[in-house]
Amino acid sequence: MASIEEIREDRIKKLNILKEKGIDAYPARSHRDFYISEAIERFDELAKKDSIFMVGRVMALRGQGALIFFNFYDGTATFQGLLKKGDIDDSKLDLFNITIDIGDFIEVFGNLFVTKRGEKTIQVKDWRILSKSLRPLPGEYYGFKDEEERLRKRYLDILVNEDIKDRVLKRTKFWASIRNFLVNKGFAEVETPVLENTAGGAEARPFITHHNALDIDVYLRISAGELWQKRLMVAGLPKVFEIGRIFRNEGMDAEHLQDYTQLEFYQAYSDYNEGMEMIKEMYRYVAKETFGTSKFNIKGFEIDLDDDWKTYDYVETIKKMIGVDIWTAELSDMENKLRELKVEYDAKGFNKTRAIDNLWKFCRKQIGGPGFLINVPVFMEPLAKRKEGDDRVVERFQVILAGSEVGKGFSELNDPIDQEERFMEQATLREGGDEEAQMHDHDYVEAMEYGMPPTFGFGVSERLFAFFVDKPARECQIFPLMRPKEE
């Protein structure tokens, strides 16, 4: 078997043959009367025409010499072509034999017919090269050597694997359906800064970069403009949303990435109770618009979004599942329980908040959902309003699916004095080494002092899409971030 280098050298020779004949192997323009999918759909009608132009990449070659069958693909469908001596100029037939390989893009001109085997085919009268490929496609001679190569060469993965292409297109439908849902409910789509002086709106470690023009260090945002969108509530816009890229300088696993797409929306004069009903409606709508179903198998859990959604009390669930009362337990008790449960955690900046979060995550993995986690302690959520009747907890919910949190919403805190105090508490945690504690945003507190209406806010990332297709998050990105290839 020839090496890739030898194949490339051979194809360059074929490229030079085309050049010697004065043929541009990479022309700027092509002729195309119909996409292949359209030609298939309108085949009977188009077969009555004398000839049509079609284009695509050669994906298979069979035969040589006087009779050549080939399959070509234009991104919409695959079609069969036939070159036969007598139907095409001999020089053109010879040139095809000599220079065309699997992977080349070509333009063909001919008439449609059905072969004796019932295959819809174009009988080629003329052809032209559109782009000469210099490397073999996977599956022609070589497959992907390993998982990293497959992800690194995602363009080839999409080309040769129909399920990956389908996933890319479904991802488009997923975000379009979310956008349509919100627009139809009267939300205005907005854009907020990606570079910030203060990375706010979430608990995460930010990326830092330098702004040369202003000569300052800035942060890449860790939320889709949460604190900016809430400023728009102050500004009098009642319903806003953003779908955008966010960045978190944290670890990678099946559910977490460093840069990914997130939705966040905010609705004035609303609270988390109303929000839970809206989110159930949105998730069901998005699932059916994207996948045509409400039923999914996710990480071994059978889930139907049309079922009744349960509620899970944060404190009571932990107490019931592992016997820890987070209101009374000491940090040492929690650490002992984590060791007993064999839960690994980062000791840097470790505190009671992080201990409770790790205990909850252990419990969460055993809950299938669909449902809402409620009654989270105030010290776990610095941006949500305290619950009426129990100011130890906040009016926050998280969507629980297949043992994970897939979306978070709450009645937004709009008391500037309470917000200032919580930011100060977060600052103390940061000083103690907790790099994920939220930064103090003085400008946001000042904006809130002008008055912010009662507001419901919600955010969900592309993790929801990954859950629906039951694949790791990185598999669901079109071009996941990879280490630079070693030379």
Protein backbone atom coordinates (compact mmCIF):
# COMPACT_ATOMS: atom_id res chain seq x y z
CA MET A 1 0.00 0.00 0.00
CA ALA A 2 1.33 3.39 -1.00
CA SER A 3 2.06 5.94 1.68
CA ILE A 4 0.16 9.21 1.89
CA GLU A 5 3.30 11.01 0.70
CA GLU A 6 3.50 8.75 -2.36
CA ILE A 7 -0.19 9.26 -3.13
CA ARG A 8 0.25 13.00 -2.84
CA GLU A 9 3.23 12.97 -5.20
CA ASP A 10 1.20 10.96 -7.73
CA ARG A 11 -1.70 13.39 -7.55
CA ILE A 12 0.61 16.37 -8.01
CA LYS A 13 1.79 14.70 -11.22
CA LYS A 14 -1.84 14.49 -12.36
CA LEU A 15 -2.28 18.14 -11.43
CA ASN A 16 0.71 19.01 -13.60
CA ILE A 17 -0.81 17.07 -16.52
CA LEU A 18 -3.89 19.29 -16.28
CA LYS A 19 -1.72 22.40 -16.13
CA GLU A 20 0.31 21.31 -19.17
CA LYS A 21 -2.95 21.04 -21.11
CA GLY A 22 -3.82 24.59 -20.11
CA ILE A 23 -6.56 23.48 -17.72
CA ASP A 24 -7.16 25.41 -14.51
CA ALA A 25 -7.60 22.74 -11.84
CA TYR A 26 -9.04 25.29 -9.40
CA PRO A 27 -11.44 27.53 -11.40
CA ALA A 28 -13.36 30.26 -9.60
CA ARG A 29 -16.68 29.49 -11.24
CA SER A 30 -18.81 26.43 -11.79
CA HIS A 31 -22.09 25.69 -13.52
CA ARG A 32 -24.84 23.97 -11.60
CA ASP A 33 -28.44 23.75 -12.65
CA PHE A 34 -29.65 21.73 -9.68
CA TYR A 35 -28.42 20.41 -6.36
CA ILE A 36 -28.30 16.61 -6.37
CA SER A 37 -31.13 16.34 -3.85
CA GLU A 38 -33.30 18.46 -6.15
CA ALA A 39 -32.31 16.40 -9.19
CA ILE A 40 -33.36 13.23 -7.38
CA GLU A 41 -36.66 14.75 -6.28
CA ARG A 42 -37.45 16.08 -9.78
CA PHE A 43 -35.83 13.22 -11.65
CA ASP A 44 -38.75 12.30 -13.96
CA GLU A 45 -39.18 15.93 -15.00
CA LEU A 46 -35.45 16.60 -15.49
CA ALA A 47 -34.88 13.35 -17.38
CA LYS A 48 -36.91 14.85 -20.22
CA LYS A 49 -34.37 17.65 -20.65
CA ASP A 50 -31.57 17.28 -23.19
CA SER A 51 -28.84 17.91 -20.61
CA ILE A 52 -28.17 19.52 -17.24
CA PHE A 53 -25.13 20.60 -15.23
CA MET A 54 -24.39 18.89 -11.90
CA VAL A 55 -21.42 19.25 -9.57
CA GLY A 56 -19.89 17.41 -6.64
CA ARG A 57 -16.97 15.56 -5.08
CA VAL A 58 -16.08 12.14 -6.50
CA MET A 59 -16.66 9.62 -3.70
CA ALA A 60 -16.30 6.33 -5.60
CA LEU A 61 -14.85 5.15 -8.93
CA ARG A 62 -15.63 1.87 -10.69
CA GLY A 63 -14.22 0.74 -13.99
CA GLN A 64 -11.62 2.27 -16.25
CA GLY A 65 -11.00 2.80 -19.89
CA ALA A 66 -14.13 2.80 -22.09
CA LEU A 67 -16.68 2.56 -19.25
CA ILE A 68 -16.45 4.42 -15.93
CA PHE A 69 -19.08 4.65 -13.21
CA PHE A 70 -18.55 7.11 -10.38
CA ASN A 71 -20.49 8.47 -7.42
CA PHE A 72 -20.35 12.15 -6.61
CA TYR A 73 -21.63 14.15 -3.65
CA ASP A 74 -22.52 17.84 -3.39
CA GLY A 75 -23.40 18.09 0.30
CA THR A 76 -27.10 17.44 -0.28
CA ALA A 77 -27.02 13.88 -1.68
CA THR A 78 -24.98 11.37 -3.68
CA PHE A 79 -25.60 10.56 -7.37
CA GLN A 80 -24.18 8.19 -9.96
CA GLY A 81 -22.39 9.31 -13.09
CA LEU A 82 -21.41 7.35 -16.21
CA LEU A 83 -18.68 8.06 -18.73
CA LYS A 84 -18.81 5.80 -21.78
CA LYS A 85 -16.84 5.76 -24.99
CA GLY A 86 -19.02 7.15 -27.76
CA ASP A 87 -21.01 9.44 -25.48
CA ILE A 88 -18.08 11.75 -24.74
CA ASP A 89 -15.07 12.99 -26.68
CA ASP A 90 -12.25 10.41 -26.49
CA SER A 91 -9.77 13.00 -25.24
CA LYS A 92 -12.07 13.94 -22.38
CA LEU A 93 -12.58 10.28 -21.48
CA ASP A 94 -8.83 9.67 -21.53
CA LEU A 95 -8.17 12.76 -19.40
CA PHE A 96 -10.71 11.58 -16.80
CA ASN A 97 -9.01 8.17 -16.68
CA ILE A 98 -5.60 9.73 -16.26
CA THR A 99 -6.24 12.57 -13.83
CA ILE A 100 -9.37 12.04 -11.69
CA ASP A 101 -9.21 10.54 -8.19
CA ILE A 102 -11.64 9.99 -5.37
CA GLY A 103 -11.88 13.32 -3.55
CA ASP A 104 -11.74 15.52 -6.66
CA PHE A 105 -14.52 18.01 -7.33
CA ILE A 106 -15.92 17.91 -10.85
CA GLU A 107 -18.64 19.46 -12.96
CA VAL A 108 -20.53 17.18 -15.34
CA PHE A 109 -22.88 17.93 -18.22
CA GLY A 110 -25.24 15.27 -19.50
CA ASN A 111 -28.70 13.73 -19.50
CA LEU A 112 -30.45 11.75 -16.78
CA PHE A 113 -31.51 8.14 -17.25
CA VAL A 114 -32.11 4.96 -15.24
CA THR A 115 -29.74 2.00 -15.63
CA LYS A 116 -30.89 -1.59 -16.08
CA ARG A 117 -30.30 -2.05 -12.35
CA GLY A 118 -32.68 0.81 -11.63
CA GLU A 119 -29.98 3.34 -10.62
CA LYS A 120 -30.67 6.99 -11.36
CA THR A 121 -27.66 8.19 -13.33
CA ILE A 122 -26.31 11.08 -15.36
CA GLN A 123 -24.82 10.06 -18.71
CA VAL A 124 -21.87 12.42 -19.06
CA LYS A 125 -21.32 14.25 -22.34
CA ASP A 126 -18.68 16.60 -20.95
CA TRP A 127 -16.90 17.24 -17.67
CA ARG A 128 -14.58 19.75 -16.06
CA ILE A 129 -12.31 19.71 -13.02
CA LEU A 130 -13.34 22.10 -10.23
CA SER A 131 -10.77 21.23 -7.57
CA LYS A 132 -8.00 18.63 -7.62
CA SER A 133 -7.51 16.86 -4.27
CA LEU A 134 -3.93 16.04 -3.26
CA ARG A 135 -4.60 13.78 -0.28
CA PRO A 136 -6.69 10.60 -0.04
CA LEU A 137 -9.97 10.67 1.88
CA PRO A 138 -10.38 8.44 4.95
CA GLY A 139 -11.73 5.07 3.93
CA GLU A 140 -10.22 5.24 0.46
CA TYR A 141 -6.89 3.85 1.61
CA TYR A 142 -6.63 5.06 5.16
CA GLY A 143 -8.97 5.52 8.10
CA PHE A 144 -8.45 7.74 11.10
CA LYS A 145 -5.57 6.46 13.20
CA ASP A 146 -7.03 7.56 16.52
CA GLU A 147 -9.73 9.63 18.20
CA GLU A 148 -7.59 12.76 18.35
CA GLU A 149 -6.90 12.67 14.62
CA ARG A 150 -10.62 12.27 13.91
CA LEU A 151 -11.46 15.33 15.99
CA ARG A 152 -8.53 17.32 14.61
CA LYS A 153 -9.63 16.60 11.03
CA ARG A 154 -13.28 17.20 11.77
CA TYR A 155 -13.94 18.35 8.21
CA LEU A 156 -13.16 14.81 7.02
CA ASP A 157 -15.13 13.27 9.88
CA ILE A 158 -18.19 15.23 8.73
CA LEU A 159 -17.57 14.33 5.08
CA VAL A 160 -17.34 10.56 5.51
CA ASN A 161 -19.63 10.01 8.52
CA GLU A 162 -23.29 10.74 7.88
CA ASP A 163 -24.15 10.69 11.59
CA ILE A 164 -21.62 13.46 12.30
CA LYS A 165 -23.03 15.58 9.49
CA ASP A 166 -26.54 14.97 10.83
CA ARG A 167 -25.38 16.07 14.28
CA VAL A 168 -24.01 19.32 12.86
CA LEU A 169 -27.32 20.06 11.14
CA LYS A 170 -29.33 19.14 14.23
CA ARG A 171 -27.17 21.49 16.28
CA THR A 172 -28.24 24.27 13.92
CA LYS A 173 -31.89 23.30 14.38
CA PHE A 174 -31.41 23.20 18.14
CA TRP A 175 -30.25 26.81 18.44
CA ALA A 176 -32.71 28.01 15.80
CA SER A 177 -35.60 26.46 17.73
CA ILE A 178 -34.50 28.15 20.96
CA ARG A 179 -34.25 31.47 19.14
CA ASN A 180 -37.66 31.01 17.51
CA PHE A 181 -39.26 30.07 20.83
CA LEU A 182 -38.05 33.25 22.51
CA VAL A 183 -38.70 35.57 19.57
CA ASN A 184 -42.26 34.24 19.33
CA LYS A 185 -42.70 35.17 22.99
CA GLY A 186 -41.63 38.73 22.34
CA PHE A 187 -37.98 38.60 23.43
CA ALA A 188 -35.43 40.91 21.82
CA GLU A 189 -32.08 39.37 20.87
CA VAL A 190 -29.12 41.42 22.13
CA GLU A 191 -25.33 41.30 22.08
CA THR A 192 -23.24 42.06 25.16
CA PRO A 193 -19.46 42.43 25.65
CA VAL A 194 -17.19 39.40 25.38
CA LEU A 195 -14.24 41.30 26.87
CA GLU A 196 -14.93 42.54 30.40
CA ASN A 197 -13.15 44.42 33.17
CA THR A 198 -14.88 42.09 35.65
CA ALA A 199 -15.79 38.50 34.82
CA GLY A 200 -19.24 38.20 36.34
CA GLY A 201 -22.50 36.29 36.19
CA ALA A 202 -21.14 32.87 37.10
CA GLU A 203 -18.72 31.01 39.34
CA ALA A 204 -15.82 30.07 37.10
CA ARG A 205 -12.13 30.78 36.47
CA PRO A 206 -11.83 33.23 33.55
CA PHE A 207 -9.32 33.56 30.73
CA ILE A 208 -7.24 36.73 30.93
CA THR A 209 -5.89 38.66 27.95
CA HIS A 210 -4.34 42.09 27.37
CA HIS A 211 -6.09 44.92 25.56
CA ASN A 212 -3.30 46.80 23.78
CA ALA A 213 -5.24 49.93 22.85
CA LEU A 214 -6.40 50.57 26.43
CA ASP A 215 -3.30 48.95 27.96
CA ILE A 216 -5.34 46.94 30.45
CA ASP A 217 -5.88 43.29 31.24
CA VAL A 218 -9.40 42.10 30.50
CA TYR A 219 -11.34 38.88 30.98
CA LEU A 220 -13.14 36.76 28.42
CA ARG A 221 -16.70 36.51 29.66
CA ILE A 222 -17.82 33.51 31.69
CA SER A 223 -21.55 34.08 31.12
CA ALA A 224 -23.63 35.20 28.14
CA GLY A 225 -23.87 38.72 29.45
CA GLU A 226 -25.84 38.05 32.64
CA LEU A 227 -24.94 41.28 34.42
CA TRP A 228 -25.22 43.24 31.17
CA GLN A 229 -28.63 41.84 30.33
CA LYS A 230 -29.86 42.71 33.83
CA ARG A 231 -28.64 46.27 33.21
CA LEU A 232 -31.11 46.18 30.29
CA MET A 233 -33.84 45.39 32.81
CA VAL A 234 -32.82 48.64 34.54
CA ALA A 235 -32.94 50.29 31.10
CA GLY A 236 -36.57 49.30 30.67
CA LEU A 237 -36.32 46.45 28.15
CA PRO A 238 -38.74 43.80 29.48
CA LYS A 239 -37.55 40.69 27.59
CA VAL A 240 -34.03 40.11 26.25
CA PHE A 241 -31.86 37.13 25.35
CA GLU A 242 -28.44 36.33 23.97
CA ILE A 243 -27.04 33.19 22.35
CA GLY A 244 -23.27 33.55 22.35
CA ARG A 245 -19.86 32.12 23.08
CA ILE A 246 -18.51 32.04 26.63
CA PHE A 247 -15.12 30.99 27.99
CA ARG A 248 -14.10 29.23 31.21
CA ASN A 249 -10.50 28.36 32.02
CA GLU A 250 -11.33 25.10 33.75
CA GLY A 251 -10.99 21.34 33.34
CA MET A 252 -12.27 19.27 30.43
CA ASP A 253 -14.51 16.25 30.72
CA ALA A 254 -17.55 14.71 29.03
CA GLU A 255 -19.76 17.61 30.15
CA HIS A 256 -17.40 20.59 30.42
CA LEU A 257 -15.55 22.62 27.78
CA GLN A 258 -13.52 25.83 27.86
CA ASP A 259 -15.35 27.68 25.10
CA TYR A 260 -18.92 26.92 24.19
CA THR A 261 -22.28 28.40 23.22
CA GLN A 262 -24.74 29.50 25.87
CA LEU A 263 -28.24 30.95 25.96
CA GLU A 264 -29.23 33.43 28.63
CA PHE A 265 -32.51 35.34 28.80
CA TYR A 266 -34.17 37.73 31.23
CA GLN A 267 -37.84 38.60 31.65
CA ALA A 268 -39.02 41.50 33.79
CA TYR A 269 -42.01 41.23 36.14
CA SER A 270 -41.59 37.45 36.38
CA ASP A 271 -40.23 34.98 38.94
CA TYR A 272 -38.80 31.47 39.09
CA ASN A 273 -42.20 29.80 39.54
CA GLU A 274 -43.42 31.25 36.27
CA GLY A 275 -40.00 30.49 34.83
CA MET A 276 -40.22 26.76 35.58
CA GLU A 277 -43.42 26.50 33.55
CA MET A 278 -41.81 28.39 30.68
CA ILE A 279 -38.71 26.18 30.72
CA LYS A 280 -40.75 22.97 30.59
CA GLU A 281 -42.54 24.40 27.57
CA MET A 282 -39.26 25.47 25.92
CA TYR A 283 -37.44 22.16 26.45
CA ARG A 284 -40.36 20.19 25.05
CA TYR A 285 -40.62 22.54 22.08
CA VAL A 286 -36.89 22.44 21.30
CA ALA A 287 -36.74 18.63 21.61
CA LYS A 288 -39.63 18.11 19.22
CA GLU A 289 -38.49 20.76 16.73
CA THR A 290 -34.94 19.38 16.66
CA PHE A 291 -35.43 15.64 17.10
CA GLY A 292 -39.14 15.08 16.55
CA THR A 293 -39.58 13.42 19.95
CA SER A 294 -39.80 14.09 23.68
CA LYS A 295 -38.22 10.74 24.60
CA PHE A 296 -34.48 10.27 25.06
CA ASN A 297 -32.02 7.72 26.43
CA ILE A 298 -29.33 9.75 28.19
CA LYS A 299 -26.46 8.09 30.06
CA GLY A 300 -28.62 5.04 30.73
CA PHE A 301 -31.64 7.04 31.95
CA GLU A 302 -34.92 6.77 30.01
CA ILE A 303 -36.33 10.29 29.96
CA ASP A 304 -39.59 11.67 28.57
CA LEU A 305 -39.88 15.46 28.68
CA ASP A 306 -43.65 15.14 28.39
CA ASP A 307 -43.76 13.42 31.80
CA ASP A 308 -44.56 15.41 34.94
CA TRP A 309 -41.41 17.21 36.12
CA LYS A 310 -40.48 16.47 39.74
CA THR A 311 -38.95 18.93 42.21
CA TYR A 312 -35.95 18.05 44.38
CA ASP A 313 -35.19 20.00 47.55
CA TYR A 314 -31.43 20.63 47.74
CA VAL A 315 -30.99 20.23 51.50
CA GLU A 316 -33.48 17.41 51.94
CA THR A 317 -32.11 15.42 48.99
CA ILE A 318 -28.57 15.51 50.41
CA LYS A 319 -29.83 14.54 53.87
CA LYS A 320 -31.95 11.69 52.50
CA MET A 321 -29.29 10.25 50.17
CA ILE A 322 -26.10 10.50 52.24
CA GLY A 323 -27.23 11.50 55.74
CA VAL A 324 -25.59 14.95 55.89
CA ASP A 325 -27.51 17.99 57.16
CA ILE A 326 -25.68 20.88 55.52
CA TRP A 327 -27.23 23.38 57.96
CA THR A 328 -25.57 21.78 60.99
CA ALA A 329 -22.59 19.75 59.68
CA GLU A 330 -19.06 21.09 60.16
CA LEU A 331 -16.58 21.30 57.29
CA SER A 332 -14.62 18.41 58.80
CA ASP A 333 -17.78 16.27 58.79
CA MET A 334 -18.32 17.01 55.14
CA GLU A 335 -14.71 16.20 54.26
CA ASN A 336 -15.01 12.88 56.09
CA LYS A 337 -18.18 12.09 54.13
CA LEU A 338 -16.48 12.96 50.82
CA ARG A 339 -13.62 10.59 51.67
CA GLU A 340 -16.12 7.90 52.66
CA LEU A 341 -17.92 8.35 49.33
CA LYS A 342 -14.55 8.35 47.51
CA VAL A 343 -15.28 11.71 45.92
CA GLU A 344 -12.19 13.48 44.59
CA TYR A 345 -12.05 17.26 45.00
CA ASP A 346 -9.66 20.14 44.55
CA ALA A 347 -8.14 21.02 47.93
CA LYS A 348 -7.02 24.47 46.74
CA GLY A 349 -9.36 27.12 48.15
CA PHE A 350 -11.54 24.37 49.62
CA ASN A 351 -14.30 25.65 51.91
CA LYS A 352 -17.76 24.76 53.15
CA THR A 353 -19.43 25.98 49.97
CA ARG A 354 -17.21 23.75 47.80
CA ALA A 355 -17.71 20.80 50.18
CA ILE A 356 -21.50 21.07 49.94
CA ASP A 357 -21.31 21.41 46.16
CA ASN A 358 -19.28 18.19 45.92
CA LEU A 359 -21.72 16.34 48.17
CA TRP A 360 -24.64 17.50 46.04
CA LYS A 361 -22.94 16.43 42.82
CA PHE A 362 -22.53 12.92 44.24
CA CYS A 363 -26.27 12.78 44.95
CA ARG A 364 -27.23 14.38 41.65
CA LYS A 365 -25.68 11.59 39.60
CA GLN A 366 -28.38 9.23 40.87
CA ILE A 367 -31.34 11.41 39.79
CA GLY A 368 -32.73 10.87 36.29
CA GLY A 369 -35.37 13.60 36.02
CA PRO A 370 -36.79 15.46 34.29
CA GLY A 371 -37.17 17.78 37.21
CA PHE A 372 -36.11 20.93 39.03
CA LEU A 373 -33.65 21.29 41.89
CA ILE A 374 -34.93 23.98 44.29
CA ASN A 375 -34.20 25.59 47.68
CA VAL A 376 -30.45 26.11 47.26
CA PRO A 377 -28.76 27.93 50.21
CA VAL A 378 -28.07 31.65 49.78
CA PHE A 379 -24.32 31.18 50.16
CA MET A 380 -24.38 28.90 47.09
CA GLU A 381 -25.95 31.53 44.82
CA PRO A 382 -24.91 35.19 45.08
CA LEU A 383 -27.22 36.50 42.32
CA ALA A 384 -30.65 35.06 43.22
CA LYS A 385 -33.40 36.53 45.37
CA ARG A 386 -33.99 35.05 48.83
CA LYS A 387 -37.07 32.87 49.14
CA GLU A 388 -40.09 34.36 50.84
CA GLY A 389 -40.67 32.61 54.15
CA ASP A 390 -37.16 31.10 54.35
CA ASP A 391 -34.34 33.57 53.75
CA ARG A 392 -31.72 30.82 54.15
CA VAL A 393 -32.40 29.68 50.56
CA VAL A 394 -32.88 31.37 47.20
CA GLU A 395 -35.57 31.27 44.52
CA ARG A 396 -33.41 29.29 42.13
CA PHE A 397 -33.99 26.12 40.14
CA GLN A 398 -31.79 23.92 38.04
CA VAL A 399 -33.04 21.52 35.40
CA ILE A 400 -32.04 17.96 36.30
CA LEU A 401 -31.60 15.46 33.46
CA ALA A 402 -29.73 12.16 33.63
CA GLY A 403 -27.83 12.99 36.80
CA SER A 404 -26.66 16.44 35.72
CA GLU A 405 -27.70 20.08 35.84
CA VAL A 406 -28.74 21.21 32.37
CA GLY A 407 -29.99 24.76 32.75
CA LYS A 408 -30.38 27.22 35.64
CA GLY A 409 -32.90 29.95 36.39
CA PHE A 410 -33.87 32.15 39.30
CA SER A 411 -35.77 35.12 40.57
CA GLU A 412 -33.01 37.68 40.12
CA LEU A 413 -31.71 39.54 43.11
CA ASN A 414 -32.66 43.20 42.64
CA ASP A 415 -31.86 44.54 46.13
CA PRO A 416 -28.59 46.48 45.65
CA ILE A 417 -27.68 46.40 49.36
CA ASP A 418 -28.15 42.62 49.57
CA GLN A 419 -26.20 42.25 46.30
CA GLU A 420 -23.32 44.32 47.65
CA GLU A 421 -23.13 42.16 50.77
CA ARG A 422 -23.07 38.95 48.75
CA PHE A 423 -20.35 40.28 46.46
CA MET A 424 -18.30 41.07 49.57
CA GLU A 425 -18.78 37.50 50.80
CA GLN A 426 -17.60 36.24 47.40
CA ALA A 427 -14.58 38.53 47.62
CA THR A 428 -13.66 36.94 50.93
CA LEU A 429 -13.84 33.50 49.33
CA ARG A 430 -11.57 34.67 46.48
CA GLU A 431 -9.07 36.03 48.99
CA GLY A 432 -9.11 32.59 50.61
CA GLY A 433 -8.01 30.98 47.36
CA ASP A 434 -11.36 30.15 45.74
CA GLU A 435 -10.67 31.22 42.13
CA GLU A 436 -14.23 30.38 41.07
CA ALA A 437 -15.90 32.75 43.53
CA GLN A 438 -17.58 35.68 41.80
CA MET A 439 -15.81 39.00 41.33
CA HIS A 440 -17.21 42.19 42.81
CA ASP A 441 -18.84 44.24 40.03
CA HIS A 442 -19.23 47.74 41.48
CA ASP A 443 -20.73 49.16 38.28
CA TYR A 444 -23.45 46.52 38.30
CA VAL A 445 -24.41 47.33 41.88
CA GLU A 446 -24.52 51.02 40.97
CA ALA A 447 -26.84 50.26 38.04
CA MET A 448 -29.10 48.26 40.33
CA GLU A 449 -29.35 51.25 42.69
CA TYR A 450 -31.29 53.07 39.95
CA GLY A 451 -33.96 50.40 40.32
CA MET A 452 -34.40 46.99 38.67
CA PRO A 453 -37.83 45.35 38.37
CA PRO A 454 -38.60 41.84 39.61
CA THR A 455 -36.97 39.63 36.99
CA PHE A 456 -36.65 35.98 36.04
CA GLY A 457 -33.41 34.91 34.38
CA PHE A 458 -32.34 31.63 32.85
CA GLY A 459 -29.29 30.12 31.17
CA VAL A 460 -28.48 26.86 29.42
CA SER A 461 -25.47 25.80 27.39
CA GLU A 462 -24.89 23.46 24.49
CA ARG A 463 -24.58 20.70 27.10
CA LEU A 464 -28.35 20.28 26.65
CA PHE A 465 -27.82 19.39 22.99
CA ALA A 466 -25.06 16.94 23.93
CA PHE A 467 -27.44 15.30 26.40
CA PHE A 468 -30.20 14.99 23.81
CA VAL A 469 -27.85 13.14 21.43
CA ASP A 470 -26.23 11.28 24.38
CA LYS A 471 -22.68 12.15 23.35
CA PRO A 472 -19.76 13.83 25.16
CA ALA A 473 -19.81 17.61 24.83
CA ARG A 474 -16.66 17.73 22.70
CA GLU A 475 -18.22 15.30 20.20
CA CYS A 476 -21.06 17.75 19.72
CA GLN A 477 -18.90 20.74 18.83
CA ILE A 478 -18.15 21.20 15.16
CA PHE A 479 -14.48 22.05 15.75
CA PRO A 480 -13.46 21.21 19.33
CA LEU A 481 -10.32 22.82 20.73
CA MET A 482 -7.25 20.59 20.37
CA ARG A 483 -3.61 20.80 21.42
CA PRO A 484 -1.35 22.02 18.59
CA LYS A 485 -0.16 19.10 16.48
CA GLU A 486 3.43 18.11 17.27
CA GLU A 487 5.66 18.39 14.24
